[in-house]
Amino acid sequence: MFEQLMDLVKQNSQEAIVNNPDVPNEHNEAVMQAASGSIMDSIKGMLGGGGAASVLNLFNQGGNADVSNHPVTQNASTNLISTLMSKFGMSGDKAGGIASMILPMIMSKLVSNTNDPNNSGFNLQGMFNSLSGGKTGGMDIGSLVSQFGGNALDKNHDGHVDLSDLTAAFSGGGNNDTSANNQQQQSGGGIMDTLSGLFGK
């Protein structure tokens, strides 16, 4: 999966990296690797840190969706800026400029390619299996994405998505009934805890 992501970065970083005077030519490849790594680290970090629903929501976006403000993209941007500053001595402004030029575009293309059934190089199930060391092989990731995607995620209609929404999504109800909510906490919390556990947290 990293190889396919790296190819995607190479195809879309001509202006931001290759033709950028702030990036010496001998560092082009390393900066591209840093960009790819920041995306993978962001996804894996959120999956392992309780942000599985956010990752699943990301991959339910349409191919033309603006994912620049999505938490996964924002985390990847923070990771990349930090790497560019620490490893390549860039200023925060220059590092931020590179991150803002390529990451939203790469993330959008990653989502689009992953949701394209005709693109075998980008497979959501395969990506999760790779990040978890094969531990998600028995899960239907595509089904989880469908359940946790878009506005349907706000099950209790309170304007934001939280644990109660996740548990309600798995149980099929809202969160108004106390006994039902307790069951939802066990059901939804269990599957999300399982997902988080698979990614090292």
Protein backbone atom coordinates (compact mmCIF):
# COMPACT_ATOMS: atom_id res chain seq x y z
CA MET A 1 0.00 0.00 0.00
CA PHE A 2 2.84 2.39 0.80
CA GLU A 3 4.25 1.88 -2.69
CA GLN A 4 0.96 2.83 -4.32
CA LEU A 5 0.66 5.88 -2.08
CA MET A 6 4.22 6.88 -2.88
CA ASP A 7 3.45 6.66 -6.59
CA LEU A 8 0.43 8.89 -6.02
CA VAL A 9 2.61 11.45 -4.25
CA LYS A 10 5.19 11.36 -7.06
CA GLN A 11 2.49 11.93 -9.67
CA ASN A 12 1.15 14.99 -7.87
CA SER A 13 4.15 16.72 -6.32
CA GLN A 14 5.90 18.25 -9.33
CA GLU A 15 5.15 21.83 -8.37
CA ALA A 16 5.20 21.48 -4.59
CA ILE A 17 8.42 19.48 -4.35
CA VAL A 18 10.36 18.88 -7.60
CA ASN A 19 10.08 22.46 -8.90
CA ASN A 20 10.23 24.01 -5.44
CA PRO A 21 13.49 25.93 -4.83
CA ASP A 22 13.04 25.35 -1.09
CA VAL A 23 13.56 21.61 -1.67
CA PRO A 24 17.06 20.73 -2.93
CA ASN A 25 16.88 18.18 -5.75
CA GLU A 26 18.79 15.62 -3.69
CA HIS A 27 15.99 15.74 -1.12
CA ASN A 28 13.05 15.36 -3.51
CA GLU A 29 12.64 11.63 -2.94
CA ALA A 30 13.01 11.92 0.84
CA VAL A 31 10.41 14.68 1.03
CA MET A 32 8.01 12.59 -1.04
CA GLN A 33 8.57 9.68 1.33
CA ALA A 34 7.91 11.99 4.25
CA ALA A 35 4.60 13.03 2.68
CA SER A 36 3.56 9.41 2.12
CA GLY A 37 4.64 8.45 5.61
CA SER A 38 2.75 11.31 7.20
CA ILE A 39 -0.49 10.10 5.60
CA MET A 40 0.01 6.48 6.66
CA ASP A 41 1.05 7.53 10.17
CA SER A 42 -2.00 9.76 10.49
CA ILE A 43 -4.39 7.00 9.45
CA LYS A 44 -2.77 4.39 11.66
CA GLY A 45 -2.47 6.79 14.60
CA MET A 46 -6.14 7.71 14.46
CA LEU A 47 -7.22 4.10 14.09
CA GLY A 48 -5.19 3.18 17.17
CA GLY A 49 -6.09 6.26 19.16
CA GLY A 50 -9.86 6.08 19.16
CA GLY A 51 -10.41 7.89 15.87
CA ALA A 52 -11.51 4.87 13.82
CA ALA A 53 -14.89 6.46 13.08
CA SER A 54 -13.19 9.52 11.62
CA VAL A 55 -11.04 7.35 9.35
CA LEU A 56 -14.07 5.35 8.22
CA ASN A 57 -15.94 8.60 7.58
CA LEU A 58 -13.06 9.90 5.45
CA PHE A 59 -13.24 6.97 3.07
CA ASN A 60 -16.97 7.39 2.63
CA GLN A 61 -16.47 10.82 1.08
CA GLY A 62 -17.19 11.28 -2.61
CA GLY A 63 -14.34 11.41 -5.08
CA ASN A 64 -14.58 15.19 -5.42
CA ALA A 65 -15.10 15.92 -1.73
CA ASP A 66 -13.00 18.59 -0.02
CA VAL A 67 -11.07 16.66 2.62
CA SER A 68 -8.62 19.46 3.46
CA ASN A 69 -10.24 20.08 6.85
CA HIS A 70 -10.80 16.44 7.71
CA PRO A 71 -9.01 15.38 10.94
CA VAL A 72 -6.99 12.72 9.09
CA THR A 73 -5.70 15.32 6.64
CA GLN A 74 -5.01 17.83 9.39
CA ASN A 75 -3.04 15.25 11.39
CA ALA A 76 -1.07 14.26 8.31
CA SER A 77 -0.28 17.93 7.67
CA THR A 78 0.96 18.39 11.25
CA ASN A 79 3.13 15.28 10.89
CA LEU A 80 4.61 16.41 7.58
CA ILE A 81 5.33 19.96 8.73
CA SER A 82 7.11 18.62 11.81
CA THR A 83 9.20 16.24 9.70
CA LEU A 84 10.15 18.88 7.14
CA MET A 85 11.23 21.25 9.89
CA SER A 86 13.19 18.71 11.92
CA LYS A 87 14.80 16.65 9.15
CA PHE A 88 15.25 19.23 6.41
CA GLY A 89 15.61 22.45 8.39
CA MET A 90 12.69 24.20 6.72
CA SER A 91 10.90 27.10 8.32
CA GLY A 92 7.37 26.56 9.51
CA ASP A 93 6.00 28.72 6.71
CA LYS A 94 7.82 26.82 3.96
CA ALA A 95 6.95 23.43 5.43
CA GLY A 96 3.34 24.50 5.85
CA GLY A 97 3.24 25.69 2.26
CA ILE A 98 4.37 22.32 0.95
CA ALA A 99 1.92 20.45 3.17
CA SER A 100 -1.01 22.63 2.11
CA MET A 101 -0.12 22.25 -1.57
CA ILE A 102 0.01 18.48 -1.71
CA LEU A 103 -1.74 16.79 1.22
CA PRO A 104 -5.38 17.79 0.55
CA MET A 105 -4.93 16.85 -3.11
CA ILE A 106 -3.24 13.53 -2.29
CA MET A 107 -5.84 12.67 0.35
CA SER A 108 -8.67 13.44 -2.06
CA LYS A 109 -7.11 11.23 -4.73
CA LEU A 110 -6.46 8.49 -2.18
CA VAL A 111 -10.13 8.47 -1.18
CA SER A 112 -11.24 8.54 -4.81
CA ASN A 113 -8.90 5.74 -5.90
CA THR A 114 -9.72 3.59 -2.89
CA ASN A 115 -13.43 3.84 -3.68
CA ASP A 116 -12.91 3.00 -7.35
CA PRO A 117 -13.77 -0.70 -7.84
CA ASN A 118 -11.76 -0.69 -11.05
CA ASN A 119 -8.57 0.42 -9.30
CA SER A 120 -7.04 -2.70 -7.81
CA GLY A 121 -3.97 -0.81 -6.62
CA PHE A 122 -5.96 1.05 -3.97
CA ASN A 123 -8.09 -1.33 -1.94
CA LEU A 124 -9.59 -0.19 1.36
CA GLN A 125 -9.62 -3.68 2.81
CA GLY A 126 -6.02 -4.18 1.74
CA MET A 127 -4.96 -0.87 3.27
CA PHE A 128 -6.51 -1.73 6.63
CA ASN A 129 -5.01 -5.22 6.49
CA SER A 130 -1.59 -3.72 5.77
CA LEU A 131 -1.79 -1.16 8.58
CA SER A 132 -2.99 -3.75 11.10
CA GLY A 133 -0.53 -6.42 10.07
CA GLY A 134 -3.34 -8.54 8.62
CA LYS A 135 -5.48 -8.45 11.76
CA THR A 136 -8.49 -6.91 9.99
CA GLY A 137 -8.66 -9.68 7.41
CA GLY A 138 -11.87 -11.02 8.93
CA MET A 139 -13.64 -7.64 8.99
CA ASP A 140 -15.74 -6.21 6.19
CA ILE A 141 -14.15 -2.76 6.13
CA GLY A 142 -16.29 -1.63 3.20
CA SER A 143 -19.42 -2.33 5.23
CA LEU A 144 -18.04 -0.38 8.19
CA VAL A 145 -17.30 2.58 5.93
CA SER A 146 -20.87 2.52 4.66
CA GLN A 147 -22.25 2.42 8.20
CA PHE A 148 -20.05 5.21 9.51
CA GLY A 149 -20.00 7.51 6.52
CA GLY A 150 -21.42 10.93 5.85
CA ASN A 151 -24.30 12.54 7.73
CA ALA A 152 -25.77 9.15 8.57
CA LEU A 153 -23.15 8.98 11.30
CA ASP A 154 -24.98 11.56 13.42
CA LYS A 155 -27.49 9.02 14.72
CA ASN A 156 -28.81 11.13 17.58
CA HIS A 157 -29.10 14.28 15.42
CA ASP A 158 -27.21 16.49 17.86
CA GLY A 159 -25.01 18.03 15.18
CA HIS A 160 -21.82 16.13 15.94
CA VAL A 161 -20.53 12.60 15.94
CA ASP A 162 -19.46 10.92 19.16
CA LEU A 163 -19.40 7.51 20.84
CA SER A 164 -23.17 7.43 21.28
CA ASP A 165 -23.56 7.85 17.52
CA LEU A 166 -21.17 4.99 16.86
CA THR A 167 -22.89 2.66 19.27
CA ALA A 168 -26.28 3.62 17.86
CA ALA A 169 -25.05 2.91 14.35
CA PHE A 170 -24.15 -0.64 15.31
CA SER A 171 -27.39 -1.26 17.21
CA GLY A 172 -29.58 0.50 14.65
CA GLY A 173 -31.25 2.91 17.07
CA GLY A 174 -30.95 6.30 18.72
CA ASN A 175 -29.68 7.02 22.21
CA ASN A 176 -32.84 8.09 23.99
CA ASP A 177 -33.59 4.86 25.85
CA THR A 178 -31.25 4.19 28.77
CA SER A 179 -31.26 0.40 28.57
CA ALA A 180 -30.86 0.50 24.80
CA ASN A 181 -28.04 2.97 25.18
CA ASN A 182 -26.23 0.64 27.57
CA GLN A 183 -26.46 -2.11 24.97
CA GLN A 184 -25.22 0.28 22.31
CA GLN A 185 -22.24 1.21 24.44
CA GLN A 186 -21.33 -2.45 24.71
CA SER A 187 -21.91 -3.19 21.04
CA GLY A 188 -20.44 -0.08 19.42
CA GLY A 189 -17.71 0.39 22.00
CA GLY A 190 -16.70 -3.22 21.51
CA ILE A 191 -16.22 -3.01 17.76
CA MET A 192 -14.48 0.37 17.94
CA ASP A 193 -12.29 -0.85 20.80
CA THR A 194 -11.45 -3.88 18.69
CA LEU A 195 -10.50 -1.69 15.75
CA SER A 196 -8.36 0.50 18.01
CA GLY A 197 -6.72 -2.56 19.56
CA LEU A 198 -5.75 -3.89 16.17
CA PHE A 199 -3.67 -0.80 15.52
CA GLY A 200 -1.51 -0.90 18.60
CA LYS A 201 -3.37 1.12 21.24
